[in-house]
Amino acid sequence: MIPTPDVLPRTFEADTRHEVSFTFEKHEATEEGQTAALKRYGGDKKLQGIETDTLEGFARRIHEGSRIAFRKDGAVLPFAFLRAPDGSWTSIGTLTEDKRGKYLVWRDLGNLTILHDYDAVVHTGEMWMAPDPKEPTPYLDVSEQPGVKEILATIYEERDGAKGVIASRIHRVGPVAILGKPNMEFDVRGFVFLEPIRRAWKIRQEASESSKEDVPHPEASTPAPEA
């Protein structure tokens, strides 16, 4: 299937009607950069032994890397990892200034999923979790809800298979932040920001099925006249 522009969602400003889009700046991973990261954060021994043959294993390695960075810096930049059909991964930073920016970034990640046929996504970063309010509230600020929890979470989801969440609770005592042990008690369906990725998978599936229907079956073709 070759995606065409008509299957890509577009976003416009409500007041000016100008189209809105994000651009991504590509950076190649270098040996020098990896060496500098290991020197700053260490952690190579903790990362060794974590199998990455499965999606869950890859997510566990990413989560452990985020834990190492959090202990060193006291914060973690959010990143999405998208898997191509050949098994290679593309990482994209998802840090934005507000909810609008987050929405648009994930819309663009959905578009990239349509174009490149990514079949799995992993996202890691700091998040807030809280029980749903008794009454629906527009533009809900989760950080101010009763019972809110601060977590370092790594969400993973595959188009046709595994999905889950690995989360470490963040406990703050004054200026000190302490990470709890990783657990998997959360439901991945609650992370609605992944919807553009899920929608992209559905669009590609529907387009693939439609293209198959357009191909005439050999038995349905008109036989050539006899000489």
N, C-alpha and C. Protein backbone atom coordinates (compact mmCIF):
# COMPACT_ATOMS: atom_id res chain seq x y z
N MET A 1 0.83 -1.19 0.00
CA MET A 1 0.00 0.00 0.00
C MET A 1 0.86 1.25 0.00
N ILE A 2 0.55 2.20 -0.89
CA ILE A 2 1.25 3.49 -0.92
C ILE A 2 0.29 4.55 -0.38
N PRO A 3 0.54 5.08 0.82
CA PRO A 3 -0.37 6.09 1.39
C PRO A 3 -0.42 7.33 0.52
N THR A 4 -1.59 7.90 0.35
CA THR A 4 -1.77 9.14 -0.40
C THR A 4 -2.20 10.24 0.56
N PRO A 5 -2.05 11.51 0.18
CA PRO A 5 -2.36 12.60 1.12
C PRO A 5 -3.76 12.58 1.70
N ASP A 6 -4.71 11.95 1.01
CA ASP A 6 -6.09 11.98 1.49
C ASP A 6 -6.30 11.16 2.76
N VAL A 7 -5.34 10.30 3.12
CA VAL A 7 -5.50 9.50 4.34
C VAL A 7 -4.79 10.13 5.52
N LEU A 8 -4.13 11.28 5.33
CA LEU A 8 -3.39 11.94 6.41
C LEU A 8 -4.26 13.03 7.04
N PRO A 9 -4.50 12.95 8.36
CA PRO A 9 -5.27 14.01 9.03
C PRO A 9 -4.53 15.34 8.96
N ARG A 10 -5.27 16.44 8.85
CA ARG A 10 -4.68 17.78 8.81
C ARG A 10 -5.29 18.63 9.92
N THR A 11 -4.51 19.60 10.41
CA THR A 11 -4.94 20.44 11.52
C THR A 11 -4.87 21.90 11.10
N PHE A 12 -5.88 22.68 11.50
CA PHE A 12 -5.94 24.09 11.14
C PHE A 12 -6.23 24.95 12.37
N GLU A 13 -5.72 26.19 12.36
CA GLU A 13 -6.05 27.16 13.39
C GLU A 13 -7.53 27.54 13.24
N ALA A 14 -8.27 27.55 14.37
CA ALA A 14 -9.70 27.85 14.30
C ALA A 14 -9.97 29.28 13.86
N ASP A 15 -9.10 30.22 14.27
CA ASP A 15 -9.37 31.63 13.98
C ASP A 15 -8.81 32.08 12.63
N THR A 16 -7.62 31.61 12.27
CA THR A 16 -6.99 32.06 11.02
C THR A 16 -7.18 31.07 9.87
N ARG A 17 -7.55 29.83 10.21
CA ARG A 17 -7.70 28.75 9.22
C ARG A 17 -6.37 28.37 8.56
N HIS A 18 -5.27 28.80 9.16
CA HIS A 18 -3.97 28.41 8.65
C HIS A 18 -3.66 26.98 9.09
N GLU A 19 -3.04 26.22 8.21
CA GLU A 19 -2.69 24.84 8.56
C GLU A 19 -1.55 24.84 9.58
N VAL A 20 -1.64 23.93 10.55
CA VAL A 20 -0.63 23.82 11.61
C VAL A 20 0.08 22.48 11.46
N SER A 21 1.39 22.51 11.56
CA SER A 21 2.14 21.26 11.51
C SER A 21 3.46 21.44 12.25
N PHE A 22 3.99 20.33 12.74
CA PHE A 22 5.28 20.34 13.41
C PHE A 22 6.33 19.77 12.45
N THR A 23 7.55 20.21 12.61
CA THR A 23 8.65 19.62 11.85
C THR A 23 9.62 18.97 12.84
N PHE A 24 10.25 17.89 12.40
CA PHE A 24 11.20 17.17 13.25
C PHE A 24 12.61 17.35 12.70
N GLU A 25 13.52 17.64 13.61
CA GLU A 25 14.92 17.79 13.21
C GLU A 25 15.64 16.48 13.47
N LYS A 26 16.24 15.92 12.42
CA LYS A 26 16.85 14.61 12.50
C LYS A 26 18.27 14.69 13.05
N HIS A 27 18.59 13.82 13.99
CA HIS A 27 19.94 13.72 14.54
C HIS A 27 20.38 12.25 14.49
N GLU A 28 21.52 12.00 13.90
CA GLU A 28 22.03 10.64 13.83
C GLU A 28 22.75 10.29 15.13
N ALA A 29 22.52 9.08 15.62
CA ALA A 29 23.25 8.61 16.80
C ALA A 29 24.70 8.35 16.41
N THR A 30 25.62 8.85 17.20
CA THR A 30 27.04 8.68 16.92
C THR A 30 27.71 7.91 18.05
N GLU A 31 28.84 7.32 17.74
CA GLU A 31 29.59 6.59 18.76
C GLU A 31 30.09 7.54 19.84
N GLU A 32 30.47 8.76 19.44
CA GLU A 32 30.94 9.75 20.41
C GLU A 32 29.82 10.13 21.38
N GLY A 33 28.61 10.28 20.84
CA GLY A 33 27.48 10.63 21.70
C GLY A 33 27.15 9.53 22.68
N GLN A 34 27.19 8.28 22.21
CA GLN A 34 26.90 7.16 23.09
C GLN A 34 27.96 7.02 24.18
N THR A 35 29.21 7.27 23.81
CA THR A 35 30.29 7.21 24.79
C THR A 35 30.12 8.29 25.86
N ALA A 36 29.75 9.50 25.42
CA ALA A 36 29.54 10.60 26.36
C ALA A 36 28.36 10.30 27.30
N ALA A 37 27.30 9.68 26.76
CA ALA A 37 26.14 9.34 27.57
C ALA A 37 26.50 8.30 28.63
N LEU A 38 27.27 7.29 28.22
CA LEU A 38 27.68 6.26 29.18
C LEU A 38 28.56 6.85 30.27
N LYS A 39 29.42 7.81 29.89
CA LYS A 39 30.30 8.44 30.86
C LYS A 39 29.49 9.25 31.86
N ARG A 40 28.45 9.93 31.39
CA ARG A 40 27.64 10.78 32.27
C ARG A 40 26.72 9.96 33.16
N TYR A 41 26.04 8.98 32.55
CA TYR A 41 25.00 8.26 33.28
C TYR A 41 25.42 6.88 33.77
N GLY A 42 26.46 6.31 33.17
CA GLY A 42 26.80 4.93 33.55
C GLY A 42 25.63 4.03 33.21
N GLY A 43 25.36 3.07 34.06
CA GLY A 43 24.18 2.25 33.87
C GLY A 43 24.32 1.13 32.88
N ASP A 44 25.49 1.02 32.22
CA ASP A 44 25.64 -0.01 31.20
C ASP A 44 25.49 -1.41 31.80
N LYS A 45 25.92 -1.60 33.05
CA LYS A 45 25.78 -2.91 33.69
C LYS A 45 24.32 -3.23 33.97
N LYS A 46 23.53 -2.22 34.36
CA LYS A 46 22.12 -2.46 34.63
C LYS A 46 21.35 -2.77 33.35
N LEU A 47 21.79 -2.17 32.25
CA LEU A 47 21.10 -2.40 30.99
C LEU A 47 21.47 -3.74 30.36
N GLN A 48 22.66 -4.23 30.69
CA GLN A 48 23.06 -5.53 30.17
C GLN A 48 22.18 -6.62 30.78
N GLY A 49 21.85 -7.58 29.94
CA GLY A 49 21.04 -8.70 30.43
C GLY A 49 19.55 -8.50 30.22
N ILE A 50 19.12 -7.29 29.84
CA ILE A 50 17.71 -7.06 29.53
C ILE A 50 17.48 -7.43 28.07
N GLU A 51 16.76 -8.50 27.83
CA GLU A 51 16.52 -8.96 26.47
C GLU A 51 15.62 -7.97 25.73
N THR A 52 15.96 -7.68 24.48
CA THR A 52 15.17 -6.74 23.69
C THR A 52 14.54 -7.40 22.47
N ASP A 53 14.49 -8.74 22.47
CA ASP A 53 13.89 -9.44 21.33
C ASP A 53 12.38 -9.23 21.27
N THR A 54 11.76 -8.97 22.41
CA THR A 54 10.32 -8.72 22.45
C THR A 54 10.06 -7.25 22.69
N LEU A 55 8.84 -6.82 22.40
CA LEU A 55 8.48 -5.42 22.63
C LEU A 55 8.55 -5.08 24.11
N GLU A 56 8.08 -5.97 24.96
CA GLU A 56 8.14 -5.73 26.40
C GLU A 56 9.58 -5.61 26.87
N GLY A 57 10.46 -6.46 26.35
CA GLY A 57 11.87 -6.39 26.73
C GLY A 57 12.50 -5.07 26.31
N PHE A 58 12.18 -4.62 25.09
CA PHE A 58 12.69 -3.33 24.64
C PHE A 58 12.19 -2.21 25.55
N ALA A 59 10.90 -2.27 25.92
CA ALA A 59 10.32 -1.25 26.79
C ALA A 59 10.97 -1.27 28.16
N ARG A 60 11.28 -2.45 28.68
CA ARG A 60 11.95 -2.55 29.99
C ARG A 60 13.33 -1.90 29.93
N ARG A 61 14.03 -2.08 28.83
CA ARG A 61 15.35 -1.46 28.70
C ARG A 61 15.22 0.07 28.65
N ILE A 62 14.23 0.55 27.90
CA ILE A 62 14.00 2.00 27.83
C ILE A 62 13.65 2.54 29.20
N HIS A 63 12.80 1.82 29.94
CA HIS A 63 12.38 2.29 31.26
C HIS A 63 13.56 2.33 32.22
N GLU A 64 14.40 1.34 32.16
CA GLU A 64 15.58 1.34 33.04
C GLU A 64 16.51 2.49 32.69
N GLY A 65 16.64 2.79 31.39
CA GLY A 65 17.44 3.94 30.98
C GLY A 65 16.85 5.25 31.50
N SER A 66 15.52 5.35 31.51
CA SER A 66 14.87 6.56 32.05
C SER A 66 15.09 6.67 33.55
N ARG A 67 15.06 5.54 34.25
CA ARG A 67 15.30 5.55 35.69
C ARG A 67 16.72 6.04 35.99
N ILE A 68 17.68 5.57 35.19
CA ILE A 68 19.07 5.99 35.39
C ILE A 68 19.21 7.50 35.17
N ALA A 69 18.57 8.00 34.09
CA ALA A 69 18.64 9.44 33.80
C ALA A 69 17.94 10.25 34.88
N PHE A 70 16.81 9.75 35.41
CA PHE A 70 16.08 10.47 36.44
C PHE A 70 16.92 10.59 37.71
N ARG A 71 17.58 9.50 38.08
CA ARG A 71 18.41 9.55 39.29
C ARG A 71 19.56 10.54 39.13
N LYS A 72 20.08 10.67 37.92
CA LYS A 72 21.21 11.56 37.68
C LYS A 72 20.77 13.02 37.58
N ASP A 73 19.70 13.29 36.83
CA ASP A 73 19.29 14.65 36.51
C ASP A 73 18.09 15.14 37.31
N GLY A 74 17.35 14.23 37.94
CA GLY A 74 16.14 14.63 38.65
C GLY A 74 14.96 14.87 37.73
N ALA A 75 15.11 14.55 36.45
CA ALA A 75 14.04 14.73 35.47
C ALA A 75 14.37 13.90 34.24
N VAL A 76 13.34 13.64 33.41
CA VAL A 76 13.52 12.85 32.20
C VAL A 76 12.79 13.53 31.05
N LEU A 77 13.45 13.70 29.93
CA LEU A 77 12.79 14.22 28.74
C LEU A 77 11.93 13.11 28.12
N PRO A 78 10.72 13.42 27.68
CA PRO A 78 9.86 12.39 27.10
C PRO A 78 10.30 12.03 25.67
N PHE A 79 10.27 10.76 25.37
CA PHE A 79 10.64 10.28 24.04
C PHE A 79 9.67 9.22 23.57
N ALA A 80 9.38 9.23 22.27
CA ALA A 80 8.62 8.17 21.63
C ALA A 80 9.56 7.37 20.74
N PHE A 81 9.38 6.06 20.73
CA PHE A 81 10.16 5.17 19.89
C PHE A 81 9.19 4.43 18.97
N LEU A 82 9.44 4.49 17.66
CA LEU A 82 8.56 3.88 16.68
C LEU A 82 9.32 2.80 15.91
N ARG A 83 8.71 1.62 15.78
CA ARG A 83 9.39 0.48 15.16
C ARG A 83 8.97 0.30 13.71
N ALA A 84 9.95 0.24 12.82
CA ALA A 84 9.70 0.03 11.40
C ALA A 84 9.53 -1.47 11.10
N PRO A 85 9.00 -1.81 9.93
CA PRO A 85 8.81 -3.22 9.59
C PRO A 85 10.09 -4.05 9.61
N ASP A 86 11.25 -3.40 9.38
CA ASP A 86 12.51 -4.15 9.41
C ASP A 86 13.07 -4.32 10.81
N GLY A 87 12.34 -3.86 11.83
CA GLY A 87 12.78 -4.02 13.21
C GLY A 87 13.59 -2.87 13.76
N SER A 88 13.95 -1.89 12.93
CA SER A 88 14.72 -0.74 13.40
C SER A 88 13.81 0.24 14.13
N TRP A 89 14.41 1.05 15.01
CA TRP A 89 13.65 1.99 15.83
C TRP A 89 14.04 3.43 15.50
N THR A 90 13.06 4.31 15.50
CA THR A 90 13.27 5.75 15.37
C THR A 90 12.80 6.41 16.65
N SER A 91 13.65 7.23 17.27
CA SER A 91 13.28 7.92 18.51
C SER A 91 12.98 9.38 18.21
N ILE A 92 11.93 9.91 18.83
CA ILE A 92 11.51 11.29 18.60
C ILE A 92 11.17 11.93 19.94
N GLY A 93 11.77 13.06 20.24
CA GLY A 93 11.46 13.80 21.46
C GLY A 93 10.06 14.38 21.38
N THR A 94 9.31 14.28 22.48
CA THR A 94 7.92 14.74 22.48
C THR A 94 7.67 15.85 23.49
N LEU A 95 8.72 16.55 23.92
CA LEU A 95 8.56 17.63 24.88
C LEU A 95 7.87 18.83 24.21
N THR A 96 6.79 19.32 24.82
CA THR A 96 6.07 20.48 24.29
C THR A 96 5.74 21.43 25.44
N GLU A 97 5.30 22.64 25.08
CA GLU A 97 5.02 23.65 26.10
C GLU A 97 3.64 23.50 26.74
N ASP A 98 2.70 22.90 26.02
CA ASP A 98 1.33 22.83 26.54
C ASP A 98 0.61 21.63 25.94
N LYS A 99 -0.68 21.48 26.33
CA LYS A 99 -1.47 20.35 25.85
C LYS A 99 -1.72 20.43 24.35
N ARG A 100 -1.86 21.64 23.84
CA ARG A 100 -2.07 21.81 22.41
C ARG A 100 -0.88 21.28 21.63
N GLY A 101 0.32 21.61 22.11
CA GLY A 101 1.52 21.13 21.45
C GLY A 101 1.62 19.61 21.49
N LYS A 102 1.27 19.04 22.64
CA LYS A 102 1.31 17.59 22.79
C LYS A 102 0.35 16.93 21.81
N TYR A 103 -0.85 17.50 21.69
CA TYR A 103 -1.85 16.97 20.77
C TYR A 103 -1.32 16.98 19.34
N LEU A 104 -0.71 18.09 18.93
CA LEU A 104 -0.23 18.22 17.56
C LEU A 104 0.95 17.29 17.29
N VAL A 105 1.85 17.15 18.26
CA VAL A 105 2.98 16.25 18.08
C VAL A 105 2.51 14.82 17.84
N TRP A 106 1.53 14.38 18.64
CA TRP A 106 1.06 13.01 18.47
C TRP A 106 0.25 12.85 17.20
N ARG A 107 -0.41 13.91 16.73
CA ARG A 107 -1.05 13.85 15.42
C ARG A 107 0.00 13.61 14.33
N ASP A 108 1.13 14.30 14.45
CA ASP A 108 2.19 14.12 13.45
C ASP A 108 2.81 12.73 13.55
N LEU A 109 2.93 12.21 14.76
CA LEU A 109 3.46 10.84 14.91
C LEU A 109 2.50 9.84 14.27
N GLY A 110 1.20 10.12 14.36
CA GLY A 110 0.23 9.27 13.68
C GLY A 110 0.43 9.32 12.17
N ASN A 111 0.67 10.52 11.63
CA ASN A 111 0.93 10.66 10.19
C ASN A 111 2.17 9.88 9.78
N LEU A 112 3.23 9.98 10.59
CA LEU A 112 4.46 9.23 10.29
C LEU A 112 4.22 7.73 10.32
N THR A 113 3.34 7.29 11.22
CA THR A 113 3.01 5.87 11.30
C THR A 113 2.30 5.41 10.03
N ILE A 114 1.43 6.24 9.50
CA ILE A 114 0.76 5.91 8.24
C ILE A 114 1.78 5.83 7.10
N LEU A 115 2.68 6.79 7.03
CA LEU A 115 3.63 6.86 5.92
C LEU A 115 4.66 5.75 5.96
N HIS A 116 5.18 5.44 7.16
CA HIS A 116 6.30 4.50 7.27
C HIS A 116 5.89 3.12 7.77
N ASP A 117 4.61 2.92 8.02
CA ASP A 117 4.09 1.62 8.45
C ASP A 117 4.74 1.15 9.75
N TYR A 118 4.94 2.06 10.70
CA TYR A 118 5.44 1.65 12.01
C TYR A 118 4.44 0.70 12.66
N ASP A 119 4.93 -0.36 13.27
CA ASP A 119 4.02 -1.37 13.82
C ASP A 119 4.06 -1.46 15.35
N ALA A 120 4.83 -0.60 16.00
CA ALA A 120 4.88 -0.60 17.46
C ALA A 120 5.35 0.77 17.94
N VAL A 121 4.93 1.12 19.16
CA VAL A 121 5.32 2.40 19.75
C VAL A 121 5.67 2.18 21.21
N VAL A 122 6.71 2.87 21.66
CA VAL A 122 7.09 2.89 23.08
C VAL A 122 7.27 4.36 23.45
N HIS A 123 6.70 4.77 24.57
CA HIS A 123 6.87 6.15 25.02
C HIS A 123 7.27 6.15 26.48
N THR A 124 8.25 6.98 26.81
CA THR A 124 8.72 7.08 28.19
C THR A 124 8.77 8.53 28.62
N GLY A 125 8.45 8.78 29.89
CA GLY A 125 8.48 10.14 30.40
C GLY A 125 7.79 10.24 31.75
N GLU A 126 7.83 11.42 32.35
CA GLU A 126 7.16 11.67 33.63
C GLU A 126 5.69 12.00 33.38
N MET A 127 4.81 11.48 34.23
CA MET A 127 3.38 11.70 34.05
C MET A 127 2.68 11.80 35.39
N TRP A 128 1.44 12.29 35.35
CA TRP A 128 0.57 12.29 36.52
C TRP A 128 -0.57 11.31 36.26
N MET A 129 -0.97 10.61 37.30
CA MET A 129 -2.11 9.71 37.25
C MET A 129 -3.05 10.06 38.39
N ALA A 130 -4.35 10.10 38.11
CA ALA A 130 -5.34 10.41 39.14
C ALA A 130 -6.66 9.74 38.79
N PRO A 131 -7.49 9.43 39.81
CA PRO A 131 -8.82 8.86 39.53
C PRO A 131 -9.66 9.83 38.70
N ASP A 132 -10.56 9.28 37.89
CA ASP A 132 -11.45 10.13 37.11
C ASP A 132 -12.33 10.96 38.05
N PRO A 133 -12.54 12.24 37.74
CA PRO A 133 -13.41 13.08 38.59
C PRO A 133 -14.86 12.59 38.53
N LYS A 134 -15.61 12.85 39.58
CA LYS A 134 -17.01 12.43 39.62
C LYS A 134 -17.82 13.11 38.53
N GLU A 135 -17.47 14.34 38.22
CA GLU A 135 -18.16 15.07 37.16
C GLU A 135 -17.15 15.45 36.08
N PRO A 136 -17.48 15.16 34.81
CA PRO A 136 -16.55 15.50 33.71
C PRO A 136 -16.19 16.98 33.71
N THR A 137 -14.92 17.26 33.49
CA THR A 137 -14.45 18.64 33.49
C THR A 137 -13.65 18.90 32.22
N PRO A 138 -13.99 19.93 31.44
CA PRO A 138 -13.19 20.23 30.24
C PRO A 138 -11.82 20.76 30.62
N TYR A 139 -10.83 20.41 29.80
CA TYR A 139 -9.46 20.87 30.03
C TYR A 139 -8.98 20.50 31.44
N LEU A 140 -9.18 19.25 31.78
CA LEU A 140 -8.82 18.76 33.10
C LEU A 140 -7.32 18.85 33.35
N ASP A 141 -6.92 19.42 34.48
CA ASP A 141 -5.52 19.45 34.89
C ASP A 141 -5.32 18.31 35.88
N VAL A 142 -4.74 17.21 35.39
CA VAL A 142 -4.59 16.02 36.21
C VAL A 142 -3.73 16.29 37.44
N SER A 143 -2.74 17.16 37.31
CA SER A 143 -1.80 17.41 38.41
C SER A 143 -2.48 17.99 39.64
N GLU A 144 -3.69 18.56 39.47
CA GLU A 144 -4.39 19.19 40.60
C GLU A 144 -5.54 18.36 41.11
N GLN A 145 -5.68 17.13 40.62
CA GLN A 145 -6.80 16.28 41.04
C GLN A 145 -6.51 15.58 42.37
N PRO A 146 -7.54 15.31 43.17
CA PRO A 146 -7.34 14.56 44.42
C PRO A 146 -6.79 13.16 44.12
N GLY A 147 -5.88 12.72 44.94
CA GLY A 147 -5.31 11.39 44.77
C GLY A 147 -4.32 11.26 43.63
N VAL A 148 -3.78 12.39 43.18
CA VAL A 148 -2.85 12.35 42.06
C VAL A 148 -1.54 11.64 42.45
N LYS A 149 -0.98 10.92 41.50
CA LYS A 149 0.31 10.24 41.69
C LYS A 149 1.25 10.69 40.58
N GLU A 150 2.49 10.92 40.96
CA GLU A 150 3.51 11.27 39.97
C GLU A 150 4.29 10.01 39.65
N ILE A 151 4.42 9.71 38.37
CA ILE A 151 5.10 8.47 37.98
C ILE A 151 6.07 8.72 36.83
N LEU A 152 7.03 7.82 36.74
CA LEU A 152 7.88 7.72 35.55
C LEU A 152 7.36 6.49 34.81
N ALA A 153 6.78 6.70 33.63
CA ALA A 153 6.06 5.61 32.96
C ALA A 153 6.63 5.35 31.57
N THR A 154 6.64 4.09 31.21
CA THR A 154 7.00 3.67 29.86
C THR A 154 5.86 2.83 29.32
N ILE A 155 5.19 3.34 28.29
CA ILE A 155 4.04 2.67 27.69
C ILE A 155 4.49 2.00 26.41
N TYR A 156 4.05 0.79 26.18
CA TYR A 156 4.38 0.12 24.92
C TYR A 156 3.13 -0.52 24.33
N GLU A 157 3.05 -0.49 23.01
CA GLU A 157 1.89 -1.06 22.33
C GLU A 157 2.29 -1.49 20.92
N GLU A 158 1.83 -2.67 20.56
CA GLU A 158 2.11 -3.25 19.27
C GLU A 158 0.83 -3.30 18.46
N ARG A 159 0.93 -3.13 17.15
CA ARG A 159 -0.26 -3.10 16.31
C ARG A 159 -1.09 -4.38 16.45
N ASP A 160 -0.43 -5.50 16.49
CA ASP A 160 -1.15 -6.78 16.50
C ASP A 160 -0.81 -7.65 17.70
N GLY A 161 -0.32 -7.05 18.79
CA GLY A 161 0.11 -7.92 19.87
C GLY A 161 0.22 -7.27 21.22
N ALA A 162 1.42 -7.29 21.79
CA ALA A 162 1.65 -6.92 23.18
C ALA A 162 1.36 -5.45 23.45
N LYS A 163 0.94 -5.18 24.67
CA LYS A 163 0.76 -3.81 25.13
C LYS A 163 0.86 -3.81 26.65
N GLY A 164 1.31 -2.71 27.21
CA GLY A 164 1.41 -2.63 28.66
C GLY A 164 2.08 -1.35 29.11
N VAL A 165 2.22 -1.22 30.41
CA VAL A 165 2.82 -0.04 31.03
C VAL A 165 3.78 -0.49 32.12
N ILE A 166 4.97 0.08 32.13
CA ILE A 166 5.93 -0.13 33.21
C ILE A 166 6.08 1.22 33.91
N ALA A 167 5.75 1.28 35.18
CA ALA A 167 5.73 2.56 35.88
C ALA A 167 6.51 2.49 37.18
N SER A 168 7.22 3.57 37.48
CA SER A 168 7.92 3.73 38.75
C SER A 168 7.35 4.96 39.45
N ARG A 169 6.85 4.78 40.65
CA ARG A 169 6.27 5.89 41.40
C ARG A 169 7.37 6.87 41.81
N ILE A 170 7.09 8.16 41.68
CA ILE A 170 8.02 9.21 42.10
C ILE A 170 7.55 9.75 43.44
N HIS A 171 8.38 9.61 44.46
CA HIS A 171 8.07 10.13 45.79
C HIS A 171 8.96 11.35 46.03
N ARG A 172 8.35 12.46 46.39
CA ARG A 172 9.13 13.68 46.64
C ARG A 172 9.10 14.02 48.12
N VAL A 173 10.28 14.19 48.67
CA VAL A 173 10.45 14.61 50.05
C VAL A 173 11.26 15.90 50.03
N GLY A 174 10.56 17.03 50.05
CA GLY A 174 11.26 18.30 49.90
C GLY A 174 11.88 18.35 48.52
N PRO A 175 13.17 18.70 48.43
CA PRO A 175 13.82 18.77 47.12
C PRO A 175 14.30 17.42 46.59
N VAL A 176 14.13 16.36 47.39
CA VAL A 176 14.63 15.04 47.01
C VAL A 176 13.53 14.22 46.33
N ALA A 177 13.85 13.62 45.19
CA ALA A 177 12.92 12.75 44.48
C ALA A 177 13.43 11.31 44.55
N ILE A 178 12.56 10.40 44.98
CA ILE A 178 12.94 8.99 45.14
C ILE A 178 12.04 8.15 44.23
N LEU A 179 12.66 7.24 43.49
CA LEU A 179 11.91 6.36 42.60
C LEU A 179 11.55 5.06 43.30
N GLY A 180 10.28 4.65 43.16
CA GLY A 180 9.87 3.35 43.64
C GLY A 180 10.26 2.27 42.65
N LYS A 181 10.01 1.01 43.00
CA LYS A 181 10.33 -0.10 42.11
C LYS A 181 9.38 -0.11 40.92
N PRO A 182 9.87 -0.56 39.75
CA PRO A 182 8.99 -0.64 38.57
C PRO A 182 7.86 -1.65 38.79
N ASN A 183 6.68 -1.32 38.32
CA ASN A 183 5.57 -2.26 38.37
C ASN A 183 4.73 -2.08 37.11
N MET A 184 3.74 -2.97 36.93
CA MET A 184 2.92 -2.95 35.71
C MET A 184 1.44 -3.00 36.08
N GLU A 185 1.02 -2.12 37.00
CA GLU A 185 -0.35 -2.16 37.50
C GLU A 185 -1.32 -1.29 36.71
N PHE A 186 -0.83 -0.56 35.70
CA PHE A 186 -1.67 0.39 34.99
C PHE A 186 -2.20 -0.20 33.69
N ASP A 187 -3.33 0.32 33.25
CA ASP A 187 -3.99 -0.13 32.03
C ASP A 187 -3.58 0.79 30.89
N VAL A 188 -3.03 0.22 29.82
CA VAL A 188 -2.53 1.03 28.71
C VAL A 188 -3.65 1.78 28.01
N ARG A 189 -4.90 1.32 28.12
CA ARG A 189 -6.01 2.00 27.45
C ARG A 189 -6.25 3.40 28.01
N GLY A 190 -5.78 3.65 29.22
CA GLY A 190 -5.98 4.96 29.81
C GLY A 190 -5.09 6.05 29.21
N PHE A 191 -4.10 5.67 28.42
CA PHE A 191 -3.18 6.64 27.84
C PHE A 191 -3.69 7.02 26.45
N VAL A 192 -4.63 7.97 26.44
CA VAL A 192 -5.34 8.30 25.21
C VAL A 192 -4.48 9.06 24.22
N PHE A 193 -3.32 9.59 24.63
CA PHE A 193 -2.49 10.32 23.68
C PHE A 193 -1.94 9.40 22.59
N LEU A 194 -2.05 8.07 22.79
CA LEU A 194 -1.62 7.13 21.77
C LEU A 194 -2.67 6.93 20.68
N GLU A 195 -3.83 7.54 20.81
CA GLU A 195 -4.92 7.32 19.85
C GLU A 195 -4.53 7.62 18.40
N PRO A 196 -3.72 8.67 18.12
CA PRO A 196 -3.33 8.88 16.71
C PRO A 196 -2.55 7.71 16.13
N ILE A 197 -1.75 7.03 16.94
CA ILE A 197 -1.03 5.85 16.47
C ILE A 197 -2.03 4.72 16.19
N ARG A 198 -2.94 4.51 17.12
CA ARG A 198 -3.95 3.46 16.93
C ARG A 198 -4.82 3.74 15.72
N ARG A 199 -5.16 5.01 15.52
CA ARG A 199 -5.97 5.39 14.37
C ARG A 199 -5.20 5.17 13.07
N ALA A 200 -3.90 5.43 13.10
CA ALA A 200 -3.06 5.21 11.91
C ALA A 200 -3.04 3.74 11.53
N TRP A 201 -2.93 2.87 12.52
CA TRP A 201 -2.96 1.43 12.23
C TRP A 201 -4.28 1.03 11.59
N LYS A 202 -5.36 1.59 12.08
CA LYS A 202 -6.69 1.28 11.55
C LYS A 202 -6.81 1.80 10.11
N ILE A 203 -6.29 2.99 9.84
CA ILE A 203 -6.36 3.57 8.50
C ILE A 203 -5.60 2.70 7.51
N ARG A 204 -4.40 2.28 7.89
CA ARG A 204 -3.60 1.44 6.99
C ARG A 204 -4.29 0.10 6.76
N GLN A 205 -4.89 -0.47 7.80
CA GLN A 205 -5.58 -1.74 7.66
C GLN A 205 -6.76 -1.61 6.70
N GLU A 206 -7.54 -0.55 6.87
CA GLU A 206 -8.69 -0.34 6.01
C GLU A 206 -8.27 -0.07 4.57
N ALA A 207 -7.19 0.70 4.39
CA ALA A 207 -6.69 0.98 3.05
C ALA A 207 -6.17 -0.29 2.38
N SER A 208 -5.50 -1.15 3.18
CA SER A 208 -4.98 -2.40 2.64
C SER A 208 -6.12 -3.32 2.19
N GLU A 209 -7.16 -3.41 3.02
CA GLU A 209 -8.30 -4.25 2.66
C GLU A 209 -9.03 -3.70 1.44
N SER A 210 -9.12 -2.38 1.33
CA SER A 210 -9.77 -1.75 0.20
C SER A 210 -9.01 -2.01 -1.09
N SER A 211 -7.66 -1.94 -1.02
CA SER A 211 -6.85 -2.17 -2.22
C SER A 211 -6.97 -3.61 -2.70
N LYS A 212 -7.13 -4.56 -1.76
CA LYS A 212 -7.29 -5.96 -2.15
C LYS A 212 -8.62 -6.17 -2.87
N GLU A 213 -9.66 -5.44 -2.44
CA GLU A 213 -10.97 -5.57 -3.08
C GLU A 213 -10.96 -5.03 -4.49
N ASP A 214 -10.07 -4.07 -4.78
CA ASP A 214 -10.01 -3.46 -6.11
C ASP A 214 -9.32 -4.34 -7.13
N VAL A 215 -8.57 -5.36 -6.67
CA VAL A 215 -7.84 -6.24 -7.58
C VAL A 215 -8.79 -7.33 -8.06
N PRO A 216 -9.05 -7.45 -9.40
CA PRO A 216 -9.98 -8.47 -9.90
C PRO A 216 -9.45 -9.87 -9.67
N HIS A 217 -10.34 -10.77 -9.30
CA HIS A 217 -9.97 -12.17 -9.09
C HIS A 217 -9.78 -12.83 -10.45
N PRO A 218 -8.77 -13.69 -10.60
CA PRO A 218 -8.51 -14.34 -11.89
C PRO A 218 -9.75 -15.03 -12.45
N GLU A 219 -10.54 -15.67 -11.59
CA GLU A 219 -11.70 -16.40 -12.05
C GLU A 219 -12.82 -15.47 -12.52
N ALA A 220 -12.75 -14.20 -12.10
CA ALA A 220 -13.79 -13.24 -12.47
C ALA A 220 -13.49 -12.53 -13.78
N SER A 221 -12.30 -12.74 -14.36
CA SER A 221 -11.93 -12.07 -15.59
C SER A 221 -12.67 -12.68 -16.79
N THR A 222 -12.85 -11.89 -17.82
CA THR A 222 -13.55 -12.35 -19.03
C THR A 222 -12.62 -13.22 -19.85
N PRO A 223 -13.01 -14.43 -20.18
CA PRO A 223 -12.14 -15.30 -20.97
C PRO A 223 -11.93 -14.75 -22.37
N ALA A 224 -10.75 -14.99 -22.93
CA ALA A 224 -10.44 -14.54 -24.29
C ALA A 224 -11.23 -15.36 -25.29
N PRO A 225 -11.70 -14.74 -26.36
CA PRO A 225 -12.46 -15.51 -27.38
C PRO A 225 -11.60 -16.57 -28.05
N GLU A 226 -12.21 -17.69 -28.40
CA GLU A 226 -11.47 -18.76 -29.10
C GLU A 226 -11.22 -18.36 -30.53
N ALA A 227 -10.08 -18.79 -31.03
CA ALA A 227 -9.73 -18.48 -32.41
C ALA A 227 -10.60 -19.30 -33.36
